């Protein structure tokens, strides 16, 4: 990748990095009503891994 990146490309890469994060921990009991212990990544909207899917930036 280039050493100097345009601002728009940096913003797209930053947004793609946010798609790898978990949901906040307070979401889990709210969604399950405290019934089950579930991993927070289940409730993230978009899941992306650097191995599985590549970003088309």
N, C-alpha and C. Protein backbone atom coordinates (compact mmCIF):
# COMPACT_ATOMS: atom_id res chain seq x y z
N UNK A 1 0.85 -1.17 0.00
CA UNK A 1 0.00 0.00 0.00
C UNK A 1 0.89 1.23 0.00
N UNK A 2 0.38 2.30 -0.54
CA UNK A 2 1.16 3.53 -0.65
C UNK A 2 1.49 4.11 0.72
N UNK A 3 2.58 4.83 0.74
CA UNK A 3 2.99 5.43 1.99
C UNK A 3 2.07 6.59 2.37
N UNK A 4 1.75 7.43 1.40
CA UNK A 4 0.85 8.55 1.63
C UNK A 4 -0.50 8.23 1.01
N UNK A 5 -1.52 8.27 1.82
CA UNK A 5 -2.86 7.91 1.36
C UNK A 5 -3.74 9.16 1.30
N UNK A 6 -4.64 9.21 0.33
CA UNK A 6 -5.60 10.31 0.31
C UNK A 6 -6.53 10.25 1.52
N UNK A 7 -7.06 11.40 1.89
CA UNK A 7 -7.92 11.47 3.07
C UNK A 7 -9.15 10.60 2.94
N UNK A 8 -9.75 10.55 1.76
CA UNK A 8 -10.96 9.75 1.57
C UNK A 8 -10.67 8.27 1.78
N UNK A 9 -9.52 7.83 1.32
CA UNK A 9 -9.15 6.41 1.48
C UNK A 9 -8.91 6.09 2.94
N UNK A 10 -8.28 7.02 3.65
CA UNK A 10 -8.05 6.81 5.08
C UNK A 10 -9.37 6.68 5.83
N UNK A 11 -10.34 7.52 5.46
CA UNK A 11 -11.64 7.46 6.13
C UNK A 11 -12.35 6.14 5.85
N UNK A 12 -12.23 5.64 4.61
CA UNK A 12 -12.85 4.35 4.29
C UNK A 12 -12.18 3.21 5.05
N UNK A 13 -10.87 3.26 5.18
CA UNK A 13 -10.15 2.23 5.94
C UNK A 13 -10.53 2.29 7.42
N UNK A 14 -10.68 3.49 7.95
CA UNK A 14 -11.05 3.65 9.36
C UNK A 14 -12.44 3.09 9.61
N UNK A 15 -13.35 3.31 8.66
CA UNK A 15 -14.70 2.78 8.83
C UNK A 15 -14.69 1.26 8.76
N UNK A 16 -13.85 0.69 7.89
CA UNK A 16 -13.76 -0.76 7.78
C UNK A 16 -13.18 -1.37 9.05
N UNK A 17 -12.29 -0.64 9.72
CA UNK A 17 -11.73 -1.15 10.97
C UNK A 17 -12.78 -1.21 12.07
N UNK A 18 -13.77 -0.33 12.03
CA UNK A 18 -14.81 -0.34 13.05
C UNK A 18 -15.74 -1.54 12.89
N UNK A 19 -15.77 -2.13 11.71
CA UNK A 19 -16.65 -3.27 11.48
C UNK A 19 -16.11 -4.56 12.06
N UNK A 20 -14.95 -4.50 12.69
CA UNK A 20 -14.41 -5.72 13.29
C UNK A 20 -14.64 -5.75 14.80
N UNK A 21 -15.24 -4.71 15.34
CA UNK A 21 -15.37 -4.62 16.80
C UNK A 21 -16.63 -5.33 17.31
N UNK A 22 -16.62 -5.61 18.59
CA UNK A 22 -17.76 -6.22 19.24
C UNK A 22 -18.81 -5.16 19.55
N UNK A 23 -19.99 -5.64 19.86
CA UNK A 23 -21.03 -4.75 20.36
C UNK A 23 -20.68 -4.37 21.80
N UNK A 24 -21.22 -3.29 22.32
CA UNK A 24 -20.96 -2.92 23.71
C UNK A 24 -21.48 -4.00 24.66
N UNK A 25 -20.81 -4.15 25.80
CA UNK A 25 -21.16 -5.23 26.72
C UNK A 25 -22.53 -5.06 27.36
N UNK A 26 -23.02 -3.82 27.46
CA UNK A 26 -24.32 -3.64 28.09
C UNK A 26 -25.46 -4.05 27.15
N UNK A 27 -25.16 -4.28 25.87
CA UNK A 27 -26.18 -4.71 24.91
C UNK A 27 -26.62 -6.16 25.19
N UNK A 28 -25.69 -7.00 25.62
CA UNK A 28 -25.96 -8.44 25.74
C UNK A 28 -27.09 -8.73 26.73
N UNK A 29 -27.05 -8.25 27.97
CA UNK A 29 -28.18 -8.53 28.86
C UNK A 29 -29.48 -7.88 28.39
N UNK A 30 -29.36 -6.75 27.71
CA UNK A 30 -30.57 -6.08 27.24
C UNK A 30 -31.26 -6.90 26.14
N UNK A 31 -30.47 -7.51 25.24
CA UNK A 31 -31.05 -8.28 24.15
C UNK A 31 -31.57 -9.63 24.64
N UNK A 32 -30.87 -10.25 25.58
CA UNK A 32 -31.24 -11.58 26.05
C UNK A 32 -32.13 -11.57 27.28
N UNK A 33 -32.30 -10.41 27.86
CA UNK A 33 -33.03 -10.28 29.13
C UNK A 33 -32.40 -11.14 30.23
N UNK A 34 -31.08 -11.29 30.17
CA UNK A 34 -30.36 -12.01 31.21
C UNK A 34 -30.55 -13.50 31.19
N UNK A 35 -31.06 -14.08 30.12
CA UNK A 35 -31.32 -15.51 30.11
C UNK A 35 -30.09 -16.33 29.73
N UNK A 36 -29.38 -15.90 28.70
CA UNK A 36 -28.24 -16.67 28.23
C UNK A 36 -26.99 -15.81 28.21
N UNK A 37 -25.85 -16.47 28.33
CA UNK A 37 -24.59 -15.77 28.16
C UNK A 37 -24.18 -15.93 26.70
N UNK A 38 -24.08 -14.83 26.01
CA UNK A 38 -23.79 -14.85 24.59
C UNK A 38 -22.60 -13.92 24.34
N UNK A 39 -21.79 -14.26 23.36
CA UNK A 39 -20.63 -13.43 23.03
C UNK A 39 -21.11 -12.12 22.39
N UNK A 40 -20.50 -10.99 22.75
CA UNK A 40 -20.96 -9.70 22.24
C UNK A 40 -20.81 -9.54 20.73
N UNK A 41 -19.97 -10.33 20.10
CA UNK A 41 -19.79 -10.18 18.66
C UNK A 41 -21.01 -10.67 17.88
N UNK A 42 -21.90 -11.38 18.55
CA UNK A 42 -23.10 -11.87 17.88
C UNK A 42 -24.03 -10.73 17.48
N UNK A 43 -23.98 -9.64 18.22
CA UNK A 43 -24.90 -8.54 17.97
C UNK A 43 -24.29 -7.40 17.17
N UNK A 44 -23.11 -7.60 16.62
CA UNK A 44 -22.57 -6.56 15.76
C UNK A 44 -23.25 -6.62 14.42
N UNK A 45 -23.37 -5.49 13.78
CA UNK A 45 -24.13 -5.42 12.54
C UNK A 45 -23.37 -6.06 11.39
N UNK A 46 -22.14 -5.66 11.19
CA UNK A 46 -21.32 -6.17 10.10
C UNK A 46 -20.10 -6.83 10.70
N UNK A 47 -19.88 -8.07 10.38
CA UNK A 47 -18.69 -8.76 10.87
C UNK A 47 -17.71 -8.90 9.72
N UNK A 48 -16.48 -8.48 9.95
CA UNK A 48 -15.47 -8.57 8.91
C UNK A 48 -14.18 -9.07 9.52
N UNK A 49 -13.53 -9.96 8.84
CA UNK A 49 -12.23 -10.45 9.28
C UNK A 49 -11.21 -10.18 8.19
N UNK A 50 -10.00 -9.92 8.58
CA UNK A 50 -8.95 -9.63 7.60
C UNK A 50 -8.62 -10.87 6.79
N UNK A 51 -8.95 -12.06 7.29
CA UNK A 51 -8.70 -13.28 6.52
C UNK A 51 -9.83 -13.60 5.57
N UNK A 52 -11.07 -13.52 6.07
CA UNK A 52 -12.22 -13.95 5.28
C UNK A 52 -12.52 -13.01 4.12
N UNK A 53 -12.82 -11.77 4.46
CA UNK A 53 -13.26 -10.82 3.43
C UNK A 53 -12.31 -9.64 3.37
N UNK A 54 -12.01 -9.22 2.19
CA UNK A 54 -11.12 -8.09 1.98
C UNK A 54 -11.95 -6.83 1.73
N UNK A 55 -11.40 -5.70 2.09
CA UNK A 55 -12.08 -4.44 1.84
C UNK A 55 -11.70 -3.97 0.45
N UNK A 56 -12.67 -3.53 -0.28
CA UNK A 56 -12.42 -3.04 -1.63
C UNK A 56 -12.23 -1.54 -1.57
N UNK A 57 -11.10 -1.13 -1.09
CA UNK A 57 -10.82 0.30 -0.91
C UNK A 57 -9.89 0.77 -1.99
